[in-house]
Amino acid sequence: MKFTIPVISTVELNTQQVEMGGKFYDLIIRYNPRDEHFMLDISRENVVLISGIKLVCGNDLLAQYLHTADLPKGKLNIVDSLGGYADPTKDNFGVTVQLQYED
């Protein structure tokens, strides 16, 4: 199953709980104005599993963390619905560029 994780790009910090792979995870998406990118932290039951994933289009964001305990086993991707490979920005994130999870 594939679904889009809602994001509001006009705020500096998005915090939400999302079910992925049958477990609930806390996602914190924050904007880094220094390099103009969004970053992602993933935690579960108040334990930080990953901190500082730079959100870029084109790759499974969790692939390099396959051996990290308790992470969802699916794919987490940035997808450009316009068919390009745009990274998320304050103008397009949550609109034409989305964060998607697929089991």
PDB file of N, CA and C in Angstrom:
ATOM      1  N   MET A   1       0.837  -1.170   0.000  1.00  0.00           N
ATOM      2  CA  MET A   1       0.000   0.000   0.000  1.00  0.00           C
ATOM      3  C   MET A   1       0.893   1.249   0.000  1.00  0.00           C
ATOM      4  N   LYS A   2       0.537   2.224  -0.826  1.00  0.00           N
ATOM      5  CA  LYS A   2       1.273   3.480  -0.919  1.00  0.00           C
ATOM      6  C   LYS A   2       0.355   4.603  -0.437  1.00  0.00           C
ATOM      7  N   PHE A   3       0.912   5.518   0.352  1.00  0.00           N
ATOM      8  CA  PHE A   3       0.134   6.676   0.782  1.00  0.00           C
ATOM      9  C   PHE A   3       1.037   7.887   0.947  1.00  0.00           C
ATOM     10  N   THR A   4       0.411   9.060   0.868  1.00  0.00           N
ATOM     11  CA  THR A   4       1.118  10.327   1.004  1.00  0.00           C
ATOM     12  C   THR A   4       1.027  10.806   2.446  1.00  0.00           C
ATOM     13  N   ILE A   5       2.145  11.230   2.981  1.00  0.00           N
ATOM     14  CA  ILE A   5       2.207  11.795   4.328  1.00  0.00           C
ATOM     15  C   ILE A   5       2.031  13.305   4.189  1.00  0.00           C
ATOM     16  N   PRO A   6       0.987  13.865   4.790  1.00  0.00           N
ATOM     17  CA  PRO A   6       0.728  15.301   4.607  1.00  0.00           C
ATOM     18  C   PRO A   6       1.810  16.174   5.246  1.00  0.00           C
ATOM     19  N   VAL A   7       2.160  17.228   4.542  1.00  0.00           N
ATOM     20  CA  VAL A   7       3.186  18.168   5.006  1.00  0.00           C
ATOM     21  C   VAL A   7       2.710  19.587   4.714  1.00  0.00           C
ATOM     22  N   ILE A   8       2.943  20.479   5.657  1.00  0.00           N
ATOM     23  CA  ILE A   8       2.652  21.897   5.447  1.00  0.00           C
ATOM     24  C   ILE A   8       4.004  22.609   5.354  1.00  0.00           C
ATOM     25  N   SER A   9       4.341  23.060   4.170  1.00  0.00           N
ATOM     26  CA  SER A   9       5.681  23.619   3.944  1.00  0.00           C
ATOM     27  C   SER A   9       5.853  25.034   4.479  1.00  0.00           C
ATOM     28  N   THR A  10       4.766  25.679   4.825  1.00  0.00           N
ATOM     29  CA  THR A  10       4.871  27.069   5.274  1.00  0.00           C
ATOM     30  C   THR A  10       5.197  27.191   6.755  1.00  0.00           C
ATOM     31  N   VAL A  11       5.278  26.072   7.461  1.00  0.00           N
ATOM     32  CA  VAL A  11       5.672  26.106   8.868  1.00  0.00           C
ATOM     33  C   VAL A  11       7.073  25.528   8.998  1.00  0.00           C
ATOM     34  N   GLU A  12       7.799  25.969   9.991  1.00  0.00           N
ATOM     35  CA  GLU A  12       9.193  25.527  10.175  1.00  0.00           C
ATOM     36  C   GLU A  12       9.296  24.096  10.692  1.00  0.00           C
ATOM     37  N   LEU A  13       8.226  23.608  11.344  1.00  0.00           N
ATOM     38  CA  LEU A  13       8.282  22.298  11.980  1.00  0.00           C
ATOM     39  C   LEU A  13       6.944  21.572  11.814  1.00  0.00           C
ATOM     40  N   ASN A  14       6.991  20.378  11.235  1.00  0.00           N
ATOM     41  CA  ASN A  14       5.827  19.504  11.118  1.00  0.00           C
ATOM     42  C   ASN A  14       6.053  18.314  12.037  1.00  0.00           C
ATOM     43  N   THR A  15       5.126  18.069  12.925  1.00  0.00           N
ATOM     44  CA  THR A  15       5.216  16.917  13.823  1.00  0.00           C
ATOM     45  C   THR A  15       3.935  16.115  13.684  1.00  0.00           C
ATOM     46  N   GLN A  16       4.073  14.814  13.457  1.00  0.00           N
ATOM     47  CA  GLN A  16       2.897  13.968  13.325  1.00  0.00           C
ATOM     48  C   GLN A  16       3.235  12.521  13.612  1.00  0.00           C
ATOM     49  N   GLN A  17       2.185  11.761  13.921  1.00  0.00           N
ATOM     50  CA  GLN A  17       2.340  10.327  14.131  1.00  0.00           C
ATOM     51  C   GLN A  17       1.738   9.625  12.923  1.00  0.00           C
ATOM     52  N   VAL A  18       2.511   8.692  12.345  1.00  0.00           N
ATOM     53  CA  VAL A  18       2.110   8.024  11.120  1.00  0.00           C
ATOM     54  C   VAL A  18       2.277   6.517  11.300  1.00  0.00           C
ATOM     55  N   GLU A  19       1.294   5.769  10.815  1.00  0.00           N
ATOM     56  CA  GLU A  19       1.412   4.309  10.837  1.00  0.00           C
ATOM     57  C   GLU A  19       2.116   3.858   9.564  1.00  0.00           C
ATOM     58  N   MET A  20       3.224   3.149   9.753  1.00  0.00           N
ATOM     59  CA  MET A  20       3.985   2.602   8.629  1.00  0.00           C
ATOM     60  C   MET A  20       4.368   1.176   8.987  1.00  0.00           C
ATOM     61  N   GLY A  21       4.028   0.246   8.115  1.00  0.00           N
ATOM     62  CA  GLY A  21       4.381  -1.148   8.356  1.00  0.00           C
ATOM     63  C   GLY A  21       3.732  -1.725   9.600  1.00  0.00           C
ATOM     64  N   GLY A  22       2.558  -1.228   9.954  1.00  0.00           N
ATOM     65  CA  GLY A  22       1.831  -1.760  11.099  1.00  0.00           C
ATOM     66  C   GLY A  22       2.244  -1.192  12.445  1.00  0.00           C
ATOM     67  N   LYS A  23       3.179  -0.251  12.462  1.00  0.00           N
ATOM     68  CA  LYS A  23       3.620   0.381  13.709  1.00  0.00           C
ATOM     69  C   LYS A  23       3.480   1.893  13.574  1.00  0.00           C
ATOM     70  N   PHE A  24       3.343   2.561  14.714  1.00  0.00           N
ATOM     71  CA  PHE A  24       3.236   4.015  14.700  1.00  0.00           C
ATOM     72  C   PHE A  24       4.598   4.653  14.958  1.00  0.00           C
ATOM     73  N   TYR A  25       4.906   5.646  14.140  1.00  0.00           N
ATOM     74  CA  TYR A  25       6.167   6.374  14.235  1.00  0.00           C
ATOM     75  C   TYR A  25       5.870   7.859  14.359  1.00  0.00           C
ATOM     76  N   ASP A  26       6.706   8.550  15.109  1.00  0.00           N
ATOM     77  CA  ASP A  26       6.619  10.001  15.208  1.00  0.00           C
ATOM     78  C   ASP A  26       7.588  10.594  14.189  1.00  0.00           C
ATOM     79  N   LEU A  27       7.061  11.442  13.316  1.00  0.00           N
ATOM     80  CA  LEU A  27       7.878  12.093  12.300  1.00  0.00           C
ATOM     81  C   LEU A  27       7.978  13.569  12.628  1.00  0.00           C
ATOM     82  N   ILE A  28       9.189  14.080  12.574  1.00  0.00           N
ATOM     83  CA  ILE A  28       9.411  15.510  12.713  1.00  0.00           C
ATOM     84  C   ILE A  28      10.101  15.968  11.437  1.00  0.00           C
ATOM     85  N   ILE A  29       9.415  16.839  10.702  1.00  0.00           N
ATOM     86  CA  ILE A  29       9.965  17.404   9.469  1.00  0.00           C
ATOM     87  C   ILE A  29      10.225  18.873   9.743  1.00  0.00           C
ATOM     88  N   ARG A  30      11.486  19.261   9.574  1.00  0.00           N
ATOM     89  CA  ARG A  30      11.839  20.646   9.859  1.00  0.00           C
ATOM     90  C   ARG A  30      12.600  21.239   8.685  1.00  0.00           C
ATOM     91  N   TYR A  31      12.451  22.525   8.550  1.00  0.00           N
ATOM     92  CA  TYR A  31      13.124  23.249   7.473  1.00  0.00           C
ATOM     93  C   TYR A  31      14.444  23.798   7.983  1.00  0.00           C
ATOM     94  N   ASN A  32      15.504  23.589   7.209  1.00  0.00           N
ATOM     95  CA  ASN A  32      16.823  24.115   7.535  1.00  0.00           C
ATOM     96  C   ASN A  32      17.087  25.310   6.614  1.00  0.00           C
ATOM     97  N   PRO A  33      16.939  26.523   7.126  1.00  0.00           N
ATOM     98  CA  PRO A  33      17.102  27.695   6.260  1.00  0.00           C
ATOM     99  C   PRO A  33      18.528  27.897   5.757  1.00  0.00           C
ATOM    100  N   ARG A  34      19.493  27.339   6.452  1.00  0.00           N
ATOM    101  CA  ARG A  34      20.893  27.520   6.042  1.00  0.00           C
ATOM    102  C   ARG A  34      21.134  26.938   4.649  1.00  0.00           C
ATOM    103  N   ASP A  35      20.681  25.696   4.427  1.00  0.00           N
ATOM    104  CA  ASP A  35      20.885  25.099   3.102  1.00  0.00           C
ATOM    105  C   ASP A  35      19.577  24.925   2.333  1.00  0.00           C
ATOM    106  N   GLU A  36      18.496  25.492   2.865  1.00  0.00           N
ATOM    107  CA  GLU A  36      17.191  25.507   2.211  1.00  0.00           C
ATOM    108  C   GLU A  36      16.693  24.108   1.856  1.00  0.00           C
ATOM    109  N   HIS A  37      16.813  23.178   2.808  1.00  0.00           N
ATOM    110  CA  HIS A  37      16.301  21.824   2.653  1.00  0.00           C
ATOM    111  C   HIS A  37      15.450  21.440   3.860  1.00  0.00           C
ATOM    112  N   PHE A  38      14.597  20.462   3.633  1.00  0.00           N
ATOM    113  CA  PHE A  38      13.834  19.877   4.728  1.00  0.00           C
ATOM    114  C   PHE A  38      14.570  18.656   5.254  1.00  0.00           C
ATOM    115  N   MET A  39      14.476  18.447   6.554  1.00  0.00           N
ATOM    116  CA  MET A  39      15.115  17.320   7.231  1.00  0.00           C
ATOM    117  C   MET A  39      14.044  16.520   7.971  1.00  0.00           C
ATOM    118  N   LEU A  40      14.303  15.223   8.174  1.00  0.00           N
ATOM    119  CA  LEU A  40      13.346  14.333   8.818  1.00  0.00           C
ATOM    120  C   LEU A  40      13.999  13.597   9.973  1.00  0.00           C
ATOM    121  N   ASP A  41      13.288  13.555  11.103  1.00  0.00           N
ATOM    122  CA  ASP A  41      13.660  12.718  12.243  1.00  0.00           C
ATOM    123  C   ASP A  41      12.540  11.700  12.424  1.00  0.00           C
ATOM    124  N   ILE A  42      12.902  10.467  12.745  1.00  0.00           N
ATOM    125  CA  ILE A  42      11.926   9.405  12.985  1.00  0.00           C
ATOM    126  C   ILE A  42      12.175   8.833  14.368  1.00  0.00           C
ATOM    127  N   SER A  43      11.118   8.745  15.168  1.00  0.00           N
ATOM    128  CA  SER A  43      11.226   8.131  16.484  1.00  0.00           C
ATOM    129  C   SER A  43      10.028   7.215  16.706  1.00  0.00           C
ATOM    130  N   ARG A  44      10.168   6.359  17.695  1.00  0.00           N
ATOM    131  CA  ARG A  44       9.096   5.439  18.064  1.00  0.00           C
ATOM    132  C   ARG A  44       9.160   5.227  19.562  1.00  0.00           C
ATOM    133  N   GLU A  45       8.028   5.420  20.213  1.00  0.00           N
ATOM    134  CA  GLU A  45       7.933   5.253  21.668  1.00  0.00           C
ATOM    135  C   GLU A  45       9.002   6.065  22.391  1.00  0.00           C
ATOM    136  N   ASN A  46       9.147   7.319  21.976  1.00  0.00           N
ATOM    137  CA  ASN A  46      10.083   8.287  22.576  1.00  0.00           C
ATOM    138  C   ASN A  46      11.555   7.927  22.414  1.00  0.00           C
ATOM    139  N   VAL A  47      11.865   7.076  21.452  1.00  0.00           N
ATOM    140  CA  VAL A  47      13.250   6.727  21.144  1.00  0.00           C
ATOM    141  C   VAL A  47      13.551   7.198  19.727  1.00  0.00           C
ATOM    142  N   VAL A  48      14.552   8.059  19.574  1.00  0.00           N
ATOM    143  CA  VAL A  48      14.931   8.544  18.248  1.00  0.00           C
ATOM    144  C   VAL A  48      15.634   7.422  17.493  1.00  0.00           C
ATOM    145  N   LEU A  49      15.092   7.077  16.326  1.00  0.00           N
ATOM    146  CA  LEU A  49      15.674   6.019  15.508  1.00  0.00           C
ATOM    147  C   LEU A  49      16.628   6.582  14.457  1.00  0.00           C
ATOM    148  N   ILE A  50      16.229   7.697  13.840  1.00  0.00           N
ATOM    149  CA  ILE A  50      17.055   8.373  12.840  1.00  0.00           C
ATOM    150  C   ILE A  50      16.848   9.870  13.011  1.00  0.00           C
ATOM    151  N   SER A  51      17.922  10.618  12.878  1.00  0.00           N
ATOM    152  CA  SER A  51      17.826  12.071  12.979  1.00  0.00           C
ATOM    153  C   SER A  51      18.569  12.710  11.811  1.00  0.00           C
ATOM    154  N   GLY A  52      17.923  13.669  11.160  1.00  0.00           N
ATOM    155  CA  GLY A  52      18.605  14.458  10.151  1.00  0.00           C
ATOM    156  C   GLY A  52      18.658  13.882   8.759  1.00  0.00           C
ATOM    157  N   ILE A  53      17.636  13.129   8.347  1.00  0.00           N
ATOM    158  CA  ILE A  53      17.593  12.654   6.964  1.00  0.00           C
ATOM    159  C   ILE A  53      17.253  13.840   6.068  1.00  0.00           C
ATOM    160  N   LYS A  54      18.117  14.151   5.134  1.00  0.00           N
ATOM    161  CA  LYS A  54      17.867  15.243   4.195  1.00  0.00           C
ATOM    162  C   LYS A  54      16.858  14.749   3.157  1.00  0.00           C
ATOM    163  N   LEU A  55      15.753  15.474   3.003  1.00  0.00           N
ATOM    164  CA  LEU A  55      14.696  15.060   2.095  1.00  0.00           C
ATOM    165  C   LEU A  55      15.015  15.504   0.671  1.00  0.00           C
ATOM    166  N   VAL A  56      15.391  14.521  -0.148  1.00  0.00           N
ATOM    167  CA  VAL A  56      15.722  14.756  -1.549  1.00  0.00           C
ATOM    168  C   VAL A  56      14.966  13.750  -2.407  1.00  0.00           C
ATOM    169  N   CYS A  57      14.689  14.141  -3.624  1.00  0.00           N
ATOM    170  CA  CYS A  57      13.933  13.307  -4.549  1.00  0.00           C
ATOM    171  C   CYS A  57      14.831  12.248  -5.177  1.00  0.00           C
ATOM    172  N   GLY A  58      14.238  11.099  -5.470  1.00  0.00           N
ATOM    173  CA  GLY A  58      14.934  10.119  -6.291  1.00  0.00           C
ATOM    174  C   GLY A  58      15.378   8.846  -5.621  1.00  0.00           C
ATOM    175  N   ASN A  59      15.492   8.811  -4.307  1.00  0.00           N
ATOM    176  CA  ASN A  59      15.977   7.605  -3.634  1.00  0.00           C
ATOM    177  C   ASN A  59      15.094   7.260  -2.452  1.00  0.00           C
ATOM    178  N   ASP A  60      15.096   5.972  -2.092  1.00  0.00           N
ATOM    179  CA  ASP A  60      14.422   5.546  -0.873  1.00  0.00           C
ATOM    180  C   ASP A  60      15.194   6.140   0.298  1.00  0.00           C
ATOM    181  N   LEU A  61      14.535   6.972   1.072  1.00  0.00           N
ATOM    182  CA  LEU A  61      15.190   7.670   2.179  1.00  0.00           C
ATOM    183  C   LEU A  61      15.610   6.745   3.306  1.00  0.00           C
ATOM    184  N   LEU A  62      15.003   5.565   3.387  1.00  0.00           N
ATOM    185  CA  LEU A  62      15.329   4.611   4.456  1.00  0.00           C
ATOM    186  C   LEU A  62      16.334   3.548   4.035  1.00  0.00           C
ATOM    187  N   ALA A  63      16.692   3.494   2.754  1.00  0.00           N
ATOM    188  CA  ALA A  63      17.537   2.407   2.238  1.00  0.00           C
ATOM    189  C   ALA A  63      18.864   2.276   2.981  1.00  0.00           C
ATOM    190  N   GLN A  64      19.489   3.378   3.333  1.00  0.00           N
ATOM    191  CA  GLN A  64      20.787   3.298   4.001  1.00  0.00           C
ATOM    192  C   GLN A  64      20.675   2.890   5.465  1.00  0.00           C
ATOM    193  N   TYR A  65      19.434   2.810   5.966  1.00  0.00           N
ATOM    194  CA  TYR A  65      19.212   2.462   7.370  1.00  0.00           C
ATOM    195  C   TYR A  65      18.553   1.098   7.530  1.00  0.00           C
ATOM    196  N   LEU A  66      18.697   0.221   6.549  1.00  0.00           N
ATOM    197  CA  LEU A  66      18.016  -1.078   6.567  1.00  0.00           C
ATOM    198  C   LEU A  66      18.298  -1.884   7.828  1.00  0.00           C
ATOM    199  N   HIS A  67      19.450  -1.721   8.402  1.00  0.00           N
ATOM    200  CA  HIS A  67      19.825  -2.522   9.567  1.00  0.00           C
ATOM    201  C   HIS A  67      19.519  -1.827  10.890  1.00  0.00           C
ATOM    202  N   THR A  68      18.870  -0.664  10.829  1.00  0.00           N
ATOM    203  CA  THR A  68      18.484   0.029  12.053  1.00  0.00           C
ATOM    204  C   THR A  68      17.251  -0.648  12.625  1.00  0.00           C
ATOM    205  N   ALA A  69      17.340  -1.051  13.860  1.00  0.00           N
ATOM    206  CA  ALA A  69      16.237  -1.769  14.496  1.00  0.00           C
ATOM    207  C   ALA A  69      14.981  -0.912  14.550  1.00  0.00           C
ATOM    208  N   ASP A  70      13.865  -1.543  14.343  1.00  0.00           N
ATOM    209  CA  ASP A  70      12.536  -0.974  14.562  1.00  0.00           C
ATOM    210  C   ASP A  70      12.086   0.038  13.511  1.00  0.00           C
ATOM    211  N   LEU A  71      12.812   0.175  12.411  1.00  0.00           N
ATOM    212  CA  LEU A  71      12.344   1.053  11.332  1.00  0.00           C
ATOM    213  C   LEU A  71      11.333   0.305  10.471  1.00  0.00           C
ATOM    214  N   PRO A  72      10.437   1.027   9.811  1.00  0.00           N
ATOM    215  CA  PRO A  72       9.521   0.348   8.887  1.00  0.00           C
ATOM    216  C   PRO A  72      10.313  -0.276   7.740  1.00  0.00           C
ATOM    217  N   LYS A  73       9.822  -1.373   7.218  1.00  0.00           N
ATOM    218  CA  LYS A  73      10.537  -2.105   6.164  1.00  0.00           C
ATOM    219  C   LYS A  73      10.212  -1.614   4.765  1.00  0.00           C
ATOM    220  N   GLY A  74       9.245  -0.706   4.633  1.00  0.00           N
ATOM    221  CA  GLY A  74       8.862  -0.185   3.322  1.00  0.00           C
ATOM    222  C   GLY A  74       9.797   0.902   2.834  1.00  0.00           C
ATOM    223  N   LYS A  75       9.345   1.593   1.786  1.00  0.00           N
ATOM    224  CA  LYS A  75      10.136   2.655   1.175  1.00  0.00           C
ATOM    225  C   LYS A  75       9.515   4.008   1.491  1.00  0.00           C
ATOM    226  N   LEU A  76      10.360   4.958   1.805  1.00  0.00           N
ATOM    227  CA  LEU A  76       9.960   6.331   2.064  1.00  0.00           C
ATOM    228  C   LEU A  76      10.621   7.193   0.999  1.00  0.00           C
ATOM    229  N   ASN A  77       9.811   7.856   0.175  1.00  0.00           N
ATOM    230  CA  ASN A  77      10.340   8.586  -0.970  1.00  0.00           C
ATOM    231  C   ASN A  77       9.780   9.995  -1.062  1.00  0.00           C
ATOM    232  N   ILE A  78      10.553  10.872  -1.673  1.00  0.00           N
ATOM    233  CA  ILE A  78      10.075  12.177  -2.104  1.00  0.00           C
ATOM    234  C   ILE A  78       9.694  12.003  -3.570  1.00  0.00           C
ATOM    235  N   VAL A  79       8.451  12.369  -3.905  1.00  0.00           N
ATOM    236  CA  VAL A  79       7.937  12.166  -5.255  1.00  0.00           C
ATOM    237  C   VAL A  79       7.484  13.498  -5.832  1.00  0.00           C
ATOM    238  N   ASP A  80       7.935  13.781  -7.043  1.00  0.00           N
ATOM    239  CA  ASP A  80       7.530  14.984  -7.769  1.00  0.00           C
ATOM    240  C   ASP A  80       6.385  14.594  -8.696  1.00  0.00           C
ATOM    241  N   SER A  81       5.176  15.049  -8.388  1.00  0.00           N
ATOM    242  CA  SER A  81       4.006  14.671  -9.182  1.00  0.00           C
ATOM    243  C   SER A  81       4.012  15.281 -10.578  1.00  0.00           C
ATOM    244  N   LEU A  82       4.908  16.231 -10.833  1.00  0.00           N
ATOM    245  CA  LEU A  82       5.016  16.818 -12.167  1.00  0.00           C
ATOM    246  C   LEU A  82       5.917  15.993 -13.077  1.00  0.00           C
ATOM    247  N   GLY A  83       6.456  14.889 -12.541  1.00  0.00           N
ATOM    248  CA  GLY A  83       7.276  13.990 -13.350  1.00  0.00           C
ATOM    249  C   GLY A  83       8.750  14.319 -13.369  1.00  0.00           C
ATOM    250  N   GLY A  84       9.143  15.360 -12.677  1.00  0.00           N
ATOM    251  CA  GLY A  84      10.564  15.706 -12.612  1.00  0.00           C
ATOM    252  C   GLY A  84      11.199  15.124 -11.366  1.00  0.00           C
ATOM    253  N   TYR A  85      12.301  15.677 -10.979  1.00  0.00           N
ATOM    254  CA  TYR A  85      13.010  15.219  -9.785  1.00  0.00           C
ATOM    255  C   TYR A  85      13.274  16.383  -8.844  1.00  0.00           C
ATOM    256  N   ALA A  86      12.251  17.208  -8.646  1.00  0.00           N
ATOM    257  CA  ALA A  86      12.399  18.391  -7.793  1.00  0.00           C
ATOM    258  C   ALA A  86      12.504  17.989  -6.332  1.00  0.00           C
ATOM    259  N   ASP A  87      13.452  18.564  -5.642  1.00  0.00           N
ATOM    260  CA  ASP A  87      13.535  18.401  -4.196  1.00  0.00           C
ATOM    261  C   ASP A  87      12.477  19.294  -3.550  1.00  0.00           C
ATOM    262  N   PRO A  88      12.057  18.962  -2.326  1.00  0.00           N
ATOM    263  CA  PRO A  88      11.054  19.796  -1.670  1.00  0.00           C
ATOM    264  C   PRO A  88      11.593  21.181  -1.318  1.00  0.00           C
ATOM    265  N   THR A  89      10.758  22.177  -1.565  1.00  0.00           N
ATOM    266  CA  THR A  89      11.064  23.566  -1.203  1.00  0.00           C
ATOM    267  C   THR A  89       9.870  24.124  -0.436  1.00  0.00           C
ATOM    268  N   LYS A  90      10.021  25.311   0.073  1.00  0.00           N
ATOM    269  CA  LYS A  90       8.900  25.946   0.777  1.00  0.00           C
ATOM    270  C   LYS A  90       7.716  26.203  -0.156  1.00  0.00           C
ATOM    271  N   ASP A  91       7.971  26.280  -1.449  1.00  0.00           N
ATOM    272  CA  ASP A  91       6.894  26.536  -2.411  1.00  0.00           C
ATOM    273  C   ASP A  91       6.193  25.270  -2.900  1.00  0.00           C
ATOM    274  N   ASN A  92       6.920  24.148  -3.013  1.00  0.00           N
ATOM    275  CA  ASN A  92       6.313  22.967  -3.639  1.00  0.00           C
ATOM    276  C   ASN A  92       6.021  21.804  -2.702  1.00  0.00           C
ATOM    277  N   PHE A  93       6.612  21.771  -1.505  1.00  0.00           N
ATOM    278  CA  PHE A  93       6.459  20.617  -0.617  1.00  0.00           C
ATOM    279  C   PHE A  93       5.020  20.538  -0.104  1.00  0.00           C
ATOM    280  N   GLY A  94       4.433  19.376  -0.274  1.00  0.00           N
ATOM    281  CA  GLY A  94       3.038  19.181   0.127  1.00  0.00           C
ATOM    282  C   GLY A  94       2.059  19.561  -0.975  1.00  0.00           C
ATOM    283  N   VAL A  95       2.577  20.135  -2.055  1.00  0.00           N
ATOM    284  CA  VAL A  95       1.723  20.534  -3.177  1.00  0.00           C
ATOM    285  C   VAL A  95       2.039  19.622  -4.369  1.00  0.00           C
ATOM    286  N   THR A  96       3.130  19.878  -5.072  1.00  0.00           N
ATOM    287  CA  THR A  96       3.518  19.025  -6.194  1.00  0.00           C
ATOM    288  C   THR A  96       4.634  18.038  -5.825  1.00  0.00           C
ATOM    289  N   VAL A  97       5.326  18.305  -4.746  1.00  0.00           N
ATOM    290  CA  VAL A  97       6.356  17.391  -4.246  1.00  0.00           C
ATOM    291  C   VAL A  97       5.859  16.845  -2.902  1.00  0.00           C
ATOM    292  N   GLN A  98       5.812  15.515  -2.813  1.00  0.00           N
ATOM    293  CA  GLN A  98       5.200  14.886  -1.657  1.00  0.00           C
ATOM    294  C   GLN A  98       6.091  13.834  -1.033  1.00  0.00           C
ATOM    295  N   LEU A  99       5.848  13.586   0.254  1.00  0.00           N
ATOM    296  CA  LEU A  99       6.511  12.500   0.981  1.00  0.00           C
ATOM    297  C   LEU A  99       5.568  11.311   0.954  1.00  0.00           C
ATOM    298  N   GLN A 100       6.046  10.174   0.393  1.00  0.00           N
ATOM    299  CA  GLN A 100       5.211   8.986   0.279  1.00  0.00           C
ATOM    300  C   GLN A 100       5.882   7.774   0.913  1.00  0.00           C
ATOM    301  N   TYR A 101       5.027   6.928   1.501  1.00  0.00           N
ATOM    302  CA  TYR A 101       5.490   5.658   2.071  1.00  0.00           C
ATOM    303  C   TYR A 101       4.812   4.522   1.333  1.00  0.00           C
ATOM    304  N   GLU A 102       5.572   3.465   1.035  1.00  0.00           N
ATOM    305  CA  GLU A 102       5.035   2.289   0.379  1.00  0.00           C
ATOM    306  C   GLU A 102       5.532   1.034   1.082  1.00  0.00           C
ATOM    307  N   ASP A 103       4.581   0.195   1.506  1.00  0.00           N
ATOM    308  CA  ASP A 103       4.940  -1.095   2.143  1.00  0.00           C
ATOM    309  C   ASP A 103       5.631  -2.010   1.181  1.00  0.00           C
TER     310      ASP A 103
END
